[in-house]
Amino acid sequence: MTTDSTHDPLPVDRENARLAAIGLGVWMAITVAVVVLLLLFGGAISGLFV
């Protein structure tokens, strides 16, 4: 196994960082949407279970 390959890990790291940022953004958007929905309709939702 040779160690003189020309593999550059920087593009791989950039792609992984981009995917992680997108995943975090989606997770935060879903969390904010759920919190807003609970604030707006929390009483009506809890009324269904009481």
C-alpha atoms as a PDB file:
ATOM      1  CA  MET A   1       0.000   0.000   0.000  1.00  0.00           C
ATOM      2  CA  THR A   2       1.564   3.259  -1.087  1.00  0.00           C
ATOM      3  CA  THR A   3       1.333   6.487   0.847  1.00  0.00           C
ATOM      4  CA  ASP A   4       2.104   8.845  -2.040  1.00  0.00           C
ATOM      5  CA  SER A   5      -1.476   9.230  -3.249  1.00  0.00           C
ATOM      6  CA  THR A   6      -2.854  12.604  -4.290  1.00  0.00           C
ATOM      7  CA  HIS A   7      -6.045  12.365  -2.250  1.00  0.00           C
ATOM      8  CA  ASP A   8      -7.108  15.760  -0.915  1.00  0.00           C
ATOM      9  CA  PRO A   9      -9.371  15.492   2.154  1.00  0.00           C
ATOM     10  CA  LEU A  10     -10.424  19.149   2.051  1.00  0.00           C
ATOM     11  CA  PRO A  11     -13.316  18.716  -0.452  1.00  0.00           C
ATOM     12  CA  VAL A  12     -14.622  15.778   1.576  1.00  0.00           C
ATOM     13  CA  ASP A  13     -14.488  17.851   4.765  1.00  0.00           C
ATOM     14  CA  ARG A  14     -16.251  20.745   3.062  1.00  0.00           C
ATOM     15  CA  GLU A  15     -19.010  18.446   1.804  1.00  0.00           C
ATOM     16  CA  ASN A  16     -19.463  16.927   5.262  1.00  0.00           C
ATOM     17  CA  ALA A  17     -19.586  20.376   6.856  1.00  0.00           C
ATOM     18  CA  ARG A  18     -22.150  21.542   4.302  1.00  0.00           C
ATOM     19  CA  LEU A  19     -24.356  18.513   4.920  1.00  0.00           C
ATOM     20  CA  ALA A  20     -24.057  18.966   8.686  1.00  0.00           C
ATOM     21  CA  ALA A  21     -25.048  22.637   8.390  1.00  0.00           C
ATOM     22  CA  ILE A  22     -28.045  21.768   6.218  1.00  0.00           C
ATOM     23  CA  GLY A  23     -29.124  19.069   8.674  1.00  0.00           C
ATOM     24  CA  LEU A  24     -28.798  21.457  11.599  1.00  0.00           C
ATOM     25  CA  GLY A  25     -30.811  24.096   9.755  1.00  0.00           C
ATOM     26  CA  VAL A  26     -33.601  21.634   8.986  1.00  0.00           C
ATOM     27  CA  TRP A  27     -33.610  20.408  12.588  1.00  0.00           C
ATOM     28  CA  MET A  28     -33.835  23.976  13.909  1.00  0.00           C
ATOM     29  CA  ALA A  29     -36.626  24.889  11.467  1.00  0.00           C
ATOM     30  CA  ILE A  30     -38.680  21.870  12.523  1.00  0.00           C
ATOM     31  CA  THR A  31     -38.097  22.656  16.201  1.00  0.00           C
ATOM     32  CA  VAL A  32     -39.154  26.293  15.796  1.00  0.00           C
ATOM     33  CA  ALA A  33     -42.243  25.255  13.821  1.00  0.00           C
ATOM     34  CA  VAL A  34     -43.301  22.813  16.536  1.00  0.00           C
ATOM     35  CA  VAL A  35     -42.782  25.393  19.287  1.00  0.00           C
ATOM     36  CA  VAL A  36     -44.829  27.976  17.379  1.00  0.00           C
ATOM     37  CA  LEU A  37     -47.612  25.471  16.756  1.00  0.00           C
ATOM     38  CA  LEU A  38     -47.665  24.533  20.429  1.00  0.00           C
ATOM     39  CA  LEU A  39     -47.809  28.181  21.449  1.00  0.00           C
ATOM     40  CA  LEU A  40     -50.653  28.895  19.033  1.00  0.00           C
ATOM     41  CA  PHE A  41     -52.700  25.732  19.412  1.00  0.00           C
ATOM     42  CA  GLY A  42     -51.520  24.306  22.749  1.00  0.00           C
ATOM     43  CA  GLY A  43     -54.861  24.855  24.454  1.00  0.00           C
ATOM     44  CA  ALA A  44     -56.823  23.206  21.670  1.00  0.00           C
ATOM     45  CA  ILE A  45     -54.431  20.268  21.503  1.00  0.00           C
ATOM     46  CA  SER A  46     -54.498  19.672  25.250  1.00  0.00           C
ATOM     47  CA  GLY A  47     -58.302  19.938  25.138  1.00  0.00           C
ATOM     48  CA  LEU A  48     -58.381  16.855  22.930  1.00  0.00           C
ATOM     49  CA  PHE A  49     -56.792  14.729  25.655  1.00  0.00           C
ATOM     50  CA  VAL A  50     -58.643  16.030  28.697  1.00  0.00           C
END
